[in-house]
Amino acid sequence: MNKRKIVFECSCRDIEHVLMFDLDTSKEGFPLLSAFVYLWYGLPFWKRLRNAIKYIFGYKTKYGDFGEFILSDGDEDDLIDLLNEYKAFKKK
């Protein structure tokens, strides 16, 4: 099995800002590239329940739901290498 994992930490060093890529090239001609984002569930129960009820009834903020991730210096080369490796396996 040929797998490669890369974990990136945001340059702000916040534990909530972690991004992981998993490249699985074990199947010939069918590489799989997955991205995992860290999700934080640190809110108290009642705030999570309130947010769940809002979600069920379709509440949306005008700003949307988003976060940020800032690559640290030097991480761009690792990400480019991973994507080039994925691209090379897709062409086989």
N, C-alpha and C. Protein backbone atom coordinates (compact mmCIF):
# COMPACT_ATOMS: atom_id res chain seq x y z
N MET A 1 0.84 -1.17 0.00
CA MET A 1 0.00 0.00 0.00
C MET A 1 0.90 1.24 0.00
N ASN A 2 0.59 2.19 -0.87
CA ASN A 2 1.39 3.39 -0.99
C ASN A 2 0.56 4.59 -0.52
N LYS A 3 0.86 5.08 0.68
CA LYS A 3 0.13 6.21 1.23
C LYS A 3 1.11 7.28 1.66
N ARG A 4 0.65 8.52 1.53
CA ARG A 4 1.46 9.65 1.96
C ARG A 4 0.55 10.63 2.67
N LYS A 5 0.95 11.04 3.87
CA LYS A 5 0.17 12.01 4.64
C LYS A 5 1.03 13.23 4.92
N ILE A 6 0.40 14.38 4.80
CA ILE A 6 1.06 15.64 5.14
C ILE A 6 0.12 16.43 6.03
N VAL A 7 0.65 16.93 7.13
CA VAL A 7 -0.13 17.74 8.06
C VAL A 7 0.45 19.15 8.04
N PHE A 8 -0.42 20.13 7.85
CA PHE A 8 -0.02 21.53 7.87
C PHE A 8 -0.63 22.20 9.08
N GLU A 9 0.17 22.99 9.77
CA GLU A 9 -0.32 23.83 10.85
C GLU A 9 -0.39 25.26 10.33
N CYS A 10 -1.44 25.96 10.71
CA CYS A 10 -1.58 27.36 10.32
C CYS A 10 -0.42 28.16 10.93
N SER A 11 0.00 29.18 10.25
CA SER A 11 1.12 29.98 10.75
C SER A 11 0.78 30.72 12.04
N CYS A 12 -0.52 30.82 12.37
CA CYS A 12 -0.91 31.46 13.64
C CYS A 12 -0.72 30.49 14.82
N ARG A 13 -0.50 29.21 14.53
CA ARG A 13 -0.26 28.14 15.51
C ARG A 13 -1.48 27.84 16.39
N ASP A 14 -2.67 28.19 15.93
CA ASP A 14 -3.90 27.87 16.64
C ASP A 14 -4.22 26.40 16.40
N ILE A 15 -4.52 25.64 17.44
CA ILE A 15 -4.77 24.20 17.31
C ILE A 15 -5.99 23.92 16.45
N GLU A 16 -6.90 24.89 16.31
CA GLU A 16 -8.08 24.70 15.49
C GLU A 16 -7.77 24.78 14.00
N HIS A 17 -6.62 25.30 13.66
CA HIS A 17 -6.27 25.51 12.26
C HIS A 17 -5.25 24.46 11.81
N VAL A 18 -5.73 23.26 11.56
CA VAL A 18 -4.88 22.16 11.11
C VAL A 18 -5.50 21.58 9.84
N LEU A 19 -4.66 21.33 8.85
CA LEU A 19 -5.10 20.80 7.57
C LEU A 19 -4.24 19.58 7.24
N MET A 20 -4.89 18.45 6.90
CA MET A 20 -4.15 17.24 6.59
C MET A 20 -4.57 16.72 5.23
N PHE A 21 -3.58 16.33 4.44
CA PHE A 21 -3.83 15.71 3.15
C PHE A 21 -3.37 14.27 3.19
N ASP A 22 -4.14 13.38 2.59
CA ASP A 22 -3.83 11.96 2.54
C ASP A 22 -3.88 11.52 1.08
N LEU A 23 -2.75 11.07 0.55
CA LEU A 23 -2.69 10.60 -0.84
C LEU A 23 -2.49 9.10 -0.83
N ASP A 24 -3.46 8.39 -1.41
CA ASP A 24 -3.43 6.93 -1.48
C ASP A 24 -3.28 6.54 -2.95
N THR A 25 -2.14 5.97 -3.29
CA THR A 25 -1.87 5.57 -4.67
C THR A 25 -1.77 4.05 -4.78
N SER A 26 -2.43 3.33 -3.89
CA SER A 26 -2.32 1.87 -3.88
C SER A 26 -3.06 1.22 -5.04
N LYS A 27 -4.06 1.88 -5.58
CA LYS A 27 -4.79 1.31 -6.72
C LYS A 27 -4.27 1.93 -8.01
N GLU A 28 -3.85 1.11 -8.93
CA GLU A 28 -3.28 1.57 -10.20
C GLU A 28 -4.30 2.37 -10.99
N GLY A 29 -3.93 3.58 -11.37
CA GLY A 29 -4.79 4.42 -12.18
C GLY A 29 -5.94 5.08 -11.43
N PHE A 30 -6.00 4.89 -10.11
CA PHE A 30 -7.09 5.47 -9.34
C PHE A 30 -6.55 6.03 -8.02
N PRO A 31 -5.77 7.10 -8.09
CA PRO A 31 -5.26 7.69 -6.84
C PRO A 31 -6.38 8.44 -6.12
N LEU A 32 -6.29 8.51 -4.81
CA LEU A 32 -7.29 9.18 -4.00
C LEU A 32 -6.60 10.23 -3.14
N LEU A 33 -6.98 11.47 -3.32
CA LEU A 33 -6.44 12.57 -2.52
C LEU A 33 -7.56 13.09 -1.64
N SER A 34 -7.35 13.04 -0.33
CA SER A 34 -8.35 13.49 0.64
C SER A 34 -7.78 14.64 1.44
N ALA A 35 -8.65 15.59 1.79
CA ALA A 35 -8.26 16.70 2.66
C ALA A 35 -9.11 16.63 3.92
N PHE A 36 -8.48 16.78 5.06
CA PHE A 36 -9.17 16.73 6.34
C PHE A 36 -8.96 18.06 7.05
N VAL A 37 -10.03 18.60 7.58
CA VAL A 37 -9.98 19.85 8.31
C VAL A 37 -10.36 19.56 9.75
N TYR A 38 -9.61 20.09 10.67
CA TYR A 38 -9.88 19.90 12.09
C TYR A 38 -11.16 20.63 12.48
N LEU A 39 -12.07 19.95 13.12
CA LEU A 39 -13.30 20.55 13.61
C LEU A 39 -13.27 20.59 15.13
N TRP A 40 -13.59 21.72 15.69
CA TRP A 40 -13.51 21.91 17.12
C TRP A 40 -14.91 21.92 17.73
N TYR A 41 -15.13 21.11 18.75
CA TYR A 41 -16.42 21.02 19.42
C TYR A 41 -16.31 21.50 20.86
N GLY A 42 -15.64 22.60 21.07
CA GLY A 42 -15.39 23.07 22.42
C GLY A 42 -16.50 23.91 23.03
N LEU A 43 -17.61 24.10 22.33
CA LEU A 43 -18.70 24.89 22.90
C LEU A 43 -19.44 24.08 23.96
N PRO A 44 -20.01 24.77 24.94
CA PRO A 44 -20.83 24.07 25.93
C PRO A 44 -22.06 23.46 25.28
N PHE A 45 -22.64 22.48 25.94
CA PHE A 45 -23.77 21.73 25.39
C PHE A 45 -24.90 22.63 24.94
N TRP A 46 -25.30 23.61 25.78
CA TRP A 46 -26.47 24.44 25.46
C TRP A 46 -26.23 25.33 24.25
N LYS A 47 -25.00 25.80 24.06
CA LYS A 47 -24.70 26.61 22.87
C LYS A 47 -24.71 25.73 21.61
N ARG A 48 -24.23 24.50 21.74
CA ARG A 48 -24.28 23.58 20.60
C ARG A 48 -25.72 23.23 20.26
N LEU A 49 -26.55 23.03 21.28
CA LEU A 49 -27.96 22.75 21.05
C LEU A 49 -28.65 23.94 20.37
N ARG A 50 -28.37 25.14 20.84
CA ARG A 50 -28.94 26.35 20.23
C ARG A 50 -28.52 26.44 18.75
N ASN A 51 -27.27 26.20 18.46
CA ASN A 51 -26.78 26.24 17.08
C ASN A 51 -27.44 25.15 16.23
N ALA A 52 -27.66 23.99 16.82
CA ALA A 52 -28.31 22.89 16.08
C ALA A 52 -29.75 23.26 15.74
N ILE A 53 -30.46 23.87 16.68
CA ILE A 53 -31.84 24.27 16.42
C ILE A 53 -31.89 25.34 15.33
N LYS A 54 -30.97 26.29 15.38
CA LYS A 54 -30.89 27.30 14.32
C LYS A 54 -30.65 26.64 12.96
N TYR A 55 -29.77 25.67 12.94
CA TYR A 55 -29.45 24.96 11.70
C TYR A 55 -30.68 24.23 11.16
N ILE A 56 -31.40 23.56 12.04
CA ILE A 56 -32.60 22.80 11.63
C ILE A 56 -33.64 23.72 10.99
N PHE A 57 -33.78 24.93 11.53
CA PHE A 57 -34.77 25.86 11.00
C PHE A 57 -34.23 26.76 9.89
N GLY A 58 -33.02 26.47 9.40
CA GLY A 58 -32.49 27.15 8.23
C GLY A 58 -31.89 28.53 8.48
N TYR A 59 -31.53 28.84 9.70
CA TYR A 59 -30.92 30.14 9.99
C TYR A 59 -29.57 30.25 9.30
N LYS A 60 -29.35 31.34 8.61
CA LYS A 60 -28.06 31.60 7.97
C LYS A 60 -27.64 33.02 8.26
N THR A 61 -26.37 33.21 8.57
CA THR A 61 -25.87 34.56 8.77
C THR A 61 -25.58 35.18 7.41
N LYS A 62 -25.57 36.50 7.36
CA LYS A 62 -25.29 37.16 6.10
C LYS A 62 -23.81 37.04 5.72
N TYR A 63 -22.97 36.65 6.67
CA TYR A 63 -21.54 36.52 6.42
C TYR A 63 -21.15 35.13 5.95
N GLY A 64 -22.00 34.14 6.18
CA GLY A 64 -21.67 32.77 5.81
C GLY A 64 -20.80 32.12 6.87
N ASP A 65 -20.51 30.87 6.66
CA ASP A 65 -19.65 30.11 7.57
C ASP A 65 -18.31 29.90 6.89
N PHE A 66 -17.26 30.35 7.51
CA PHE A 66 -15.95 30.21 6.91
C PHE A 66 -14.88 30.27 8.00
N GLY A 67 -13.71 29.90 7.62
CA GLY A 67 -12.56 29.99 8.50
C GLY A 67 -11.37 30.37 7.66
N GLU A 68 -10.22 30.26 8.22
CA GLU A 68 -9.03 30.61 7.45
C GLU A 68 -7.91 29.64 7.78
N PHE A 69 -7.01 29.54 6.85
CA PHE A 69 -5.81 28.74 7.05
C PHE A 69 -4.68 29.44 6.32
N ILE A 70 -3.61 29.76 7.01
CA ILE A 70 -2.48 30.45 6.42
C ILE A 70 -1.30 29.49 6.40
N LEU A 71 -0.83 29.16 5.19
CA LEU A 71 0.32 28.26 5.08
C LEU A 71 1.55 28.90 5.71
N SER A 72 2.33 28.12 6.41
CA SER A 72 3.58 28.59 6.97
C SER A 72 4.64 28.64 5.88
N ASP A 73 5.68 29.39 6.13
CA ASP A 73 6.77 29.48 5.15
C ASP A 73 7.36 28.09 4.90
N GLY A 74 7.51 27.74 3.65
CA GLY A 74 8.07 26.45 3.27
C GLY A 74 7.03 25.38 3.01
N ASP A 75 5.81 25.56 3.51
CA ASP A 75 4.76 24.57 3.31
C ASP A 75 4.27 24.52 1.87
N GLU A 76 4.40 25.64 1.16
CA GLU A 76 3.90 25.66 -0.22
C GLU A 76 4.63 24.65 -1.10
N ASP A 77 5.92 24.44 -0.86
CA ASP A 77 6.66 23.46 -1.65
C ASP A 77 6.16 22.04 -1.39
N ASP A 78 5.87 21.73 -0.12
CA ASP A 78 5.33 20.41 0.22
C ASP A 78 3.97 20.19 -0.42
N LEU A 79 3.13 21.22 -0.42
CA LEU A 79 1.80 21.11 -1.02
C LEU A 79 1.91 20.95 -2.53
N ILE A 80 2.79 21.70 -3.16
CA ILE A 80 2.99 21.59 -4.61
C ILE A 80 3.52 20.21 -4.97
N ASP A 81 4.46 19.68 -4.19
CA ASP A 81 4.99 18.34 -4.44
C ASP A 81 3.90 17.28 -4.34
N LEU A 82 3.05 17.40 -3.33
CA LEU A 82 1.95 16.45 -3.15
C LEU A 82 0.99 16.51 -4.34
N LEU A 83 0.63 17.70 -4.76
CA LEU A 83 -0.29 17.84 -5.89
C LEU A 83 0.33 17.35 -7.20
N ASN A 84 1.63 17.59 -7.38
CA ASN A 84 2.31 17.08 -8.58
C ASN A 84 2.36 15.56 -8.58
N GLU A 85 2.57 14.97 -7.39
CA GLU A 85 2.57 13.51 -7.28
C GLU A 85 1.19 12.94 -7.60
N TYR A 86 0.15 13.59 -7.10
CA TYR A 86 -1.23 13.18 -7.38
C TYR A 86 -1.51 13.30 -8.88
N LYS A 87 -1.10 14.38 -9.46
CA LYS A 87 -1.32 14.61 -10.91
C LYS A 87 -0.59 13.56 -11.73
N ALA A 88 0.62 13.18 -11.35
CA ALA A 88 1.39 12.18 -12.08
C ALA A 88 0.71 10.82 -12.04
N PHE A 89 0.15 10.45 -10.88
CA PHE A 89 -0.53 9.16 -10.77
C PHE A 89 -1.83 9.14 -11.55
N LYS A 90 -2.50 10.29 -11.66
CA LYS A 90 -3.74 10.34 -12.44
C LYS A 90 -3.48 10.15 -13.93
N LYS A 91 -2.30 10.53 -14.40
CA LYS A 91 -1.99 10.41 -15.84
C LYS A 91 -1.62 9.00 -16.23
N LYS A 92 -1.30 8.14 -15.27
CA LYS A 92 -0.91 6.75 -15.58
C LYS A 92 -2.07 5.97 -16.12
